[in-house]
Protein backbone atom coordinates (compact mmCIF):
# COMPACT_ATOMS: atom_id res chain seq x y z
CA MET A 1 -149.54 187.03 98.88
CA GLU A 2 -146.50 186.59 96.66
CA THR A 3 -146.12 183.21 94.99
CA LYS A 4 -143.27 181.14 96.35
CA MET A 5 -140.90 179.21 94.14
CA ARG A 6 -141.60 175.52 93.65
CA TYR A 7 -138.91 172.85 93.37
CA GLY A 8 -138.50 169.43 91.85
CA GLN A 9 -135.99 166.63 92.03
CA VAL A 10 -133.77 165.43 89.21
CA THR A 11 -132.17 162.00 89.40
CA GLY A 12 -128.48 162.53 90.06
CA VAL A 13 -128.83 166.06 91.47
CA ALA A 14 -128.78 166.14 95.26
CA LYS A 15 -130.14 169.67 95.56
CA PRO A 16 -133.73 170.74 94.96
CA VAL A 17 -134.08 172.26 91.49
CA SER A 18 -136.24 175.35 91.04
CA ILE A 19 -139.10 174.89 88.57
CA LEU A 20 -138.13 178.19 86.94
CA VAL A 21 -134.57 178.22 85.60
CA GLN A 22 -132.95 181.58 84.83
CA GLY A 23 -130.96 181.91 81.62
CA THR A 24 -127.68 183.79 81.24
CA VAL A 25 -127.33 184.26 77.48
CA TYR A 26 -127.88 188.04 77.59
CA PHE A 27 -125.02 188.76 80.00
CA ASN A 28 -121.31 189.32 79.48
CA GLU A 29 -118.46 191.57 80.64
CA SER A 30 -120.25 194.66 79.29
CA ASN A 31 -123.24 194.33 81.65
CA VAL A 32 -121.89 192.57 84.73
CA ASP A 33 -123.66 194.92 87.16
CA GLU A 34 -126.98 194.30 85.42
CA ALA A 35 -126.37 190.54 85.52
CA PHE A 36 -125.46 190.55 89.21
CA ALA A 37 -128.55 192.59 90.09
CA LEU A 38 -130.78 190.15 88.22
CA PHE A 39 -129.11 187.05 89.68
CA ASP A 40 -129.38 188.51 93.19
CA ALA A 41 -133.08 189.18 92.68
CA VAL A 42 -134.03 185.83 91.19
CA PHE A 43 -132.03 183.99 93.86
CA ALA A 44 -133.82 185.99 96.56
CA HIS A 45 -137.11 184.83 95.01
CA GLY A 46 -136.06 181.20 95.29
CA CYS A 47 -134.60 180.50 91.86
CA ASN A 48 -131.48 178.44 92.55
CA THR A 49 -130.96 177.02 89.05
CA PHE A 50 -129.13 178.87 86.27
CA ASP A 51 -128.75 177.87 82.63
CA THR A 52 -125.61 178.67 80.68
CA ALA A 53 -123.55 177.19 77.83
CA HIS A 54 -120.02 176.87 76.49
CA VAL A 55 -121.04 178.70 73.30
CA TYR A 56 -122.81 181.66 74.96
CA GLY A 57 -120.79 184.81 74.50
CA ALA A 58 -117.73 182.72 73.62
CA GLY A 59 -117.46 181.86 77.32
CA ALA A 60 -118.41 185.27 78.72
CA CYS A 61 -121.75 184.09 80.11
CA GLU A 62 -120.12 181.27 82.05
CA ARG A 63 -117.51 183.64 83.45
CA VAL A 64 -120.11 186.16 84.61
CA LEU A 65 -122.22 183.46 86.27
CA GLY A 66 -119.13 181.98 87.92
CA ARG A 67 -118.05 185.37 89.26
CA TRP A 68 -121.51 185.95 90.74
CA ILE A 69 -121.57 182.54 92.41
CA ALA A 70 -118.10 183.06 93.91
CA SER A 71 -118.77 186.62 95.06
CA ARG A 72 -122.00 185.63 96.81
CA GLY A 73 -120.65 182.40 98.31
CA VAL A 74 -123.66 180.39 97.10
CA ARG A 75 -122.03 177.47 95.26
CA ASP A 76 -123.51 174.88 97.62
CA GLU A 77 -127.02 176.24 97.02
CA VAL A 78 -126.91 176.85 93.27
CA VAL A 79 -127.62 174.28 90.55
CA ILE A 80 -125.57 174.97 87.42
CA LEU A 81 -127.10 173.70 84.18
CA ASP A 82 -124.37 173.94 81.55
CA LYS A 83 -124.35 172.86 77.92
CA GLY A 84 -121.58 171.88 75.53
CA ALA A 85 -120.71 170.17 72.22
CA HIS A 86 -122.41 172.90 70.17
CA PRO A 87 -121.30 173.13 66.51
CA TYR A 88 -118.60 175.70 65.74
CA ASN A 89 -117.95 177.10 62.27
CA GLY A 90 -120.14 174.49 60.63
CA LYS A 91 -118.38 171.58 62.34
CA ASN A 92 -120.43 169.14 64.39
CA ARG A 93 -118.76 168.51 67.74
CA VAL A 94 -120.72 165.76 69.47
CA THR A 95 -117.62 163.64 69.94
CA PRO A 96 -115.86 162.35 73.06
CA GLU A 97 -112.93 164.67 72.41
CA ASP A 98 -115.07 167.81 72.02
CA ILE A 99 -117.29 166.92 74.98
CA THR A 100 -114.21 166.52 77.17
CA SER A 101 -112.69 169.78 75.92
CA ASP A 102 -115.89 171.75 76.48
CA ILE A 103 -116.43 170.42 80.00
CA SER A 104 -112.86 171.32 80.91
CA ASP A 105 -113.27 174.83 79.48
CA SER A 106 -116.58 175.34 81.27
CA LEU A 107 -115.23 174.25 84.66
CA GLU A 108 -112.38 176.74 84.32
CA ARG A 109 -114.62 179.60 83.16
CA LEU A 110 -117.15 178.99 85.93
CA GLY A 111 -114.41 178.65 88.52
CA VAL A 112 -115.92 175.43 89.89
CA ASP A 113 -114.82 171.80 90.02
CA PHE A 114 -118.25 170.27 89.36
CA ILE A 115 -121.21 170.99 87.08
CA ASP A 116 -124.49 169.82 88.63
CA LEU A 117 -126.35 169.20 85.38
CA TYR A 118 -124.54 168.83 82.05
CA VAL A 119 -126.41 168.77 78.75
CA LEU A 120 -125.17 168.25 75.21
CA HIS A 121 -126.31 171.39 73.39
CA ARG A 122 -126.96 169.67 70.07
CA ASP A 123 -126.99 166.18 68.64
CA ASP A 124 -125.22 164.70 65.64
CA GLU A 125 -127.18 161.68 64.50
CA THR A 126 -124.26 160.47 62.39
CA GLN A 127 -122.46 159.68 65.64
CA PRO A 128 -123.31 156.46 67.50
CA VAL A 129 -124.69 156.95 71.00
CA GLU A 130 -122.37 154.41 72.62
CA PRO A 131 -119.15 156.49 72.85
CA ILE A 132 -121.19 159.55 73.85
CA VAL A 133 -122.76 157.71 76.77
CA ASP A 134 -119.36 156.23 77.66
CA ILE A 135 -117.57 159.60 77.85
CA LEU A 136 -120.35 161.23 79.86
CA ASN A 137 -120.20 158.33 82.30
CA GLN A 138 -116.43 158.70 82.52
CA HIS A 139 -116.68 162.37 83.49
CA HIS A 140 -119.53 161.54 85.86
CA ARG A 141 -117.29 159.00 87.63
CA GLU A 142 -114.44 161.51 87.70
CA GLY A 143 -116.70 163.97 89.52
CA TRP A 144 -116.70 166.60 86.78
CA ILE A 145 -120.45 166.39 86.11
CA GLY A 146 -123.52 165.19 87.98
CA ALA A 147 -126.67 164.34 86.06
CA PHE A 148 -126.49 164.66 82.28
CA GLY A 149 -128.64 164.58 79.17
CA GLY A 150 -129.26 166.06 75.76
CA SER A 151 -130.61 169.36 74.50
CA ASN A 152 -132.27 169.27 71.09
CA TRP A 153 -132.03 165.47 70.96
CA SER A 154 -134.91 163.52 69.47
CA TYR A 155 -136.68 161.26 71.88
CA GLU A 156 -135.57 158.27 69.76
CA ARG A 157 -131.90 159.17 70.31
CA VAL A 158 -132.44 159.68 74.05
CA GLN A 159 -134.20 156.32 74.12
CA ALA A 160 -131.29 154.66 72.28
CA ALA A 161 -128.73 156.21 74.64
CA ASN A 162 -130.61 155.00 77.69
CA ARG A 163 -131.12 151.53 76.25
CA TYR A 164 -127.35 151.26 75.80
CA ALA A 165 -126.73 152.57 79.32
CA GLU A 166 -129.14 150.03 80.78
CA MET A 167 -127.57 147.13 78.87
CA HIS A 168 -124.11 148.04 80.17
CA SER A 169 -125.00 149.09 83.74
CA LEU A 170 -124.11 152.72 83.03
CA THR A 171 -125.73 155.95 84.21
CA PRO A 172 -128.42 156.98 81.69
CA PHE A 173 -129.54 160.39 80.52
CA ALA A 174 -131.55 161.93 83.35
CA VAL A 175 -132.84 164.97 81.45
CA SER A 176 -133.78 166.28 78.05
CA SER A 177 -133.96 169.92 77.01
CA PRO A 178 -136.17 170.54 73.95
CA GLN A 179 -138.05 173.71 73.07
CA PHE A 180 -141.64 173.84 74.25
CA SER A 181 -144.23 176.62 74.42
CA LEU A 182 -147.84 177.33 73.47
CA PRO A 183 -146.76 178.95 70.18
CA GLU A 184 -145.40 176.17 68.00
CA MET A 185 -141.83 176.46 66.74
CA VAL A 186 -142.74 176.16 63.05
CA GLN A 187 -139.20 176.72 61.78
CA PRO A 188 -136.15 175.80 63.90
CA ALA A 189 -134.99 178.86 65.79
CA TRP A 190 -131.44 177.73 65.06
CA GLU A 191 -130.15 174.79 63.06
CA GLY A 192 -130.57 171.52 64.87
CA CYS A 193 -133.28 172.66 67.29
CA ILE A 194 -135.87 170.15 68.49
CA SER A 195 -139.32 171.07 69.85
CA LEU A 196 -142.01 169.16 71.71
CA GLY A 197 -144.78 171.51 70.57
CA GLY A 198 -147.51 170.98 68.04
CA ALA A 199 -149.46 167.99 66.78
CA ARG A 200 -146.44 166.54 64.98
CA ASN A 201 -144.71 165.92 68.32
CA GLN A 202 -147.52 164.08 70.11
CA THR A 203 -145.57 160.81 70.03
CA ALA A 204 -142.53 162.45 71.61
CA ARG A 205 -144.63 163.97 74.39
CA ALA A 206 -146.25 160.60 75.05
CA TRP A 207 -142.84 158.93 75.32
CA TYR A 208 -141.58 161.54 77.78
CA ALA A 209 -144.77 161.20 79.82
CA SER A 210 -144.05 157.48 80.12
CA ALA A 211 -140.28 157.71 80.62
CA ARG A 212 -140.58 160.54 83.19
CA LEU A 213 -137.26 162.13 82.27
CA ALA A 214 -136.97 165.66 83.61
CA LEU A 215 -137.62 168.16 80.82
CA PHE A 216 -135.82 171.51 80.87
CA THR A 217 -137.83 173.29 78.20
CA TRP A 218 -136.17 176.27 76.59
CA SER A 219 -137.95 179.31 75.13
CA SER A 220 -140.96 178.55 77.30
CA LEU A 221 -142.37 181.93 76.19
CA ALA A 222 -141.37 181.32 72.56
CA GLY A 223 -138.55 183.84 72.55
CA GLY A 224 -140.91 186.58 73.72
CA PHE A 225 -143.65 185.77 71.23
CA MET A 226 -145.91 185.04 74.22
CA THR A 227 -145.63 188.67 75.34
CA GLY A 228 -147.81 189.81 72.44
CA LYS A 229 -145.00 192.07 71.23
CA TYR A 230 -145.05 190.54 67.77
CA GLN A 231 -148.11 191.34 65.67
CA ARG A 232 -149.04 190.56 62.09
CA HIS A 233 -148.34 194.17 61.11
CA ASN A 234 -144.90 194.73 62.72
CA LEU A 235 -142.74 191.87 61.52
CA ASN A 236 -140.66 193.64 58.88
CA ASN A 237 -138.28 195.56 61.13
CA PRO A 238 -136.95 193.35 63.94
CA GLY A 239 -135.30 195.37 66.66
CA ASP A 240 -132.34 193.06 67.21
CA TYR A 241 -130.95 189.62 66.44
CA PHE A 242 -133.21 187.86 68.94
CA ASP A 243 -136.31 189.55 67.46
CA GLY A 244 -135.34 188.15 64.08
CA VAL A 245 -134.98 184.65 65.51
CA THR A 246 -138.40 184.85 67.17
CA ILE A 247 -140.12 186.08 64.01
CA HIS A 248 -138.48 183.35 61.93
CA ALA A 249 -139.49 180.58 64.34
CA TYR A 250 -142.92 181.62 65.62
CA ALA A 251 -144.57 184.37 63.56
CA TYR A 252 -147.14 182.22 61.72
CA GLU A 253 -150.90 182.47 61.48
CA ASP A 254 -151.80 179.60 63.79
CA ASN A 255 -149.55 181.10 66.47
CA PHE A 256 -151.27 184.48 66.16
CA ARG A 257 -154.56 182.62 66.68
CA ARG A 258 -153.10 180.94 69.77
CA ILE A 259 -152.02 184.32 71.12
CA GLU A 260 -155.51 185.74 70.58
CA ARG A 261 -157.09 182.86 72.49
CA ALA A 262 -154.45 183.15 75.21
CA GLN A 263 -155.19 186.83 75.62
CA THR A 264 -158.90 186.11 76.03
CA MET A 265 -158.20 183.49 78.69
CA ALA A 266 -155.56 185.60 80.43
CA THR A 267 -157.97 188.52 80.72
CA ASP A 268 -160.66 186.26 82.15
CA LYS A 269 -158.24 184.79 84.69
CA ASN A 270 -156.70 188.17 85.57
CA LEU A 271 -153.30 187.07 84.32
CA SER A 272 -150.78 188.64 81.99
CA LEU A 273 -150.18 186.99 78.63
CA PRO A 274 -146.71 185.68 79.66
CA GLN A 275 -148.14 184.29 82.90
CA LEU A 276 -150.79 182.40 80.95
CA GLY A 277 -148.16 181.12 78.49
CA LEU A 278 -145.94 179.86 81.28
CA ALA A 279 -148.92 178.28 83.05
CA TYR A 280 -149.67 176.39 79.82
CA VAL A 281 -146.16 174.90 79.84
CA LEU A 282 -146.21 174.03 83.55
CA SER A 283 -149.70 172.51 83.36
CA GLN A 284 -148.59 169.76 80.98
CA PRO A 285 -148.67 166.19 82.33
CA LEU A 286 -144.87 166.15 82.11
CA PRO A 287 -142.04 166.75 84.64
CA ILE A 288 -141.15 170.20 83.28
CA PHE A 289 -138.64 172.76 84.51
CA ALA A 290 -139.11 175.94 82.47
CA LEU A 291 -136.12 177.93 81.25
CA VAL A 292 -136.92 181.64 81.26
CA GLY A 293 -134.89 184.54 79.94
CA ALA A 294 -135.85 187.38 82.25
CA ARG A 295 -133.67 190.44 81.67
CA THR A 296 -134.82 192.38 84.73
CA PRO A 297 -135.93 191.46 88.25
CA ASP A 298 -139.45 192.69 87.48
CA GLU A 299 -139.69 190.36 84.49
CA PHE A 300 -138.73 187.40 86.64
CA VAL A 301 -141.19 188.31 89.41
CA GLU A 302 -143.97 188.58 86.82
CA ASN A 303 -143.41 184.89 85.98
CA LEU A 304 -144.00 183.66 89.52
CA PRO A 305 -147.85 183.61 89.62
CA ALA A 306 -147.80 181.02 86.82
CA LEU A 307 -146.51 178.53 89.39
CA ASP A 308 -149.91 178.58 91.11
CA ILE A 309 -152.03 178.21 87.96
CA ARG A 310 -153.16 174.85 86.63
CA LEU A 311 -154.99 174.81 83.33
CA SER A 312 -157.38 171.98 82.57
CA ALA A 313 -156.92 169.62 79.65
CA ALA A 314 -159.91 171.28 77.95
CA GLU A 315 -158.41 174.75 78.38
CA MET A 316 -155.06 173.65 76.99
CA ALA A 317 -156.70 171.94 74.00
CA TRP A 318 -158.62 175.13 73.20
CA LEU A 319 -155.51 177.30 73.50
CA ASN A 320 -153.65 174.93 71.19
CA LEU A 321 -156.37 175.07 68.49
CA GLU A 322 -157.27 171.41 69.02
CA THR A 323 -160.91 172.37 69.59
CA ASP A 324 -163.02 175.43 68.88
CA THR A 325 -165.27 174.87 71.89
CA LEU A 326 -164.28 175.73 75.43
CA SER A 327 -166.48 174.56 78.27
CA SER A 328 -167.21 176.94 81.12
CA THR A 329 -164.12 176.00 83.11
CA ILE A 330 -162.36 179.36 82.92
């Protein structure tokens, strides 16, 4: 029997939010038919939440997603997760003026009057949180955005933003969107990226477990590293830009060891390596929604069985190299 999509609730979003969130970064005017076929398929399999960003394709990704939503008449069913205030040309843009400009651009490109879930794509820790929280609340009151939060924000900055919101009876950040996967992001995939993975981020994970903010974790399969495509012997000739990013961020010895353990466990559980990797993310004691970058309907469908798998704490510790002994729980 085919696995059915699971859903969660996010404070400030009236609709159910699919646990798997489909990304749009690969799609633009050159492959609209491919994008529409994928969006149709994932929507038919219950995925109602789509991730895009002001910076993706210089607006092309938002336009393609907006055209699909309009052509299918599904705006009332779809949750749009959009991101803005990304740096351009070396200039940090986490300012009230840039946030306002990006939201306005995104609404026009998407062809909608409301973004369900709006996330600041990067942080700029030289900027105080107070005017950032104020402007997001303004656009929330105006009906431009629903729930909001930060992508690649440290938990300390999220905490500071929400402390300010609480003190002034404002709407707080409802979500955070860091990177998280079994392979640890050793080097930032791009400048300013924040991860929850690895031993160095235990404190951050503990804070999120206590705060219960919804986590929209990006690169849940470590940019494809969890497919097993990248091996110690084939790292010198990346096939494209995204291959190069993955190798830079994840191709390190401890991650190869994690992949080897994951393959052993996946074989024993009759799962694929990506299914096991996604199950690891979704088995965390955290309110996680996993961003996935399927490029074909078959890739998306392959992710679905992970929704039914729950790994034990002992299994996850072994996969993450925290212990060399695995009890007979597999």
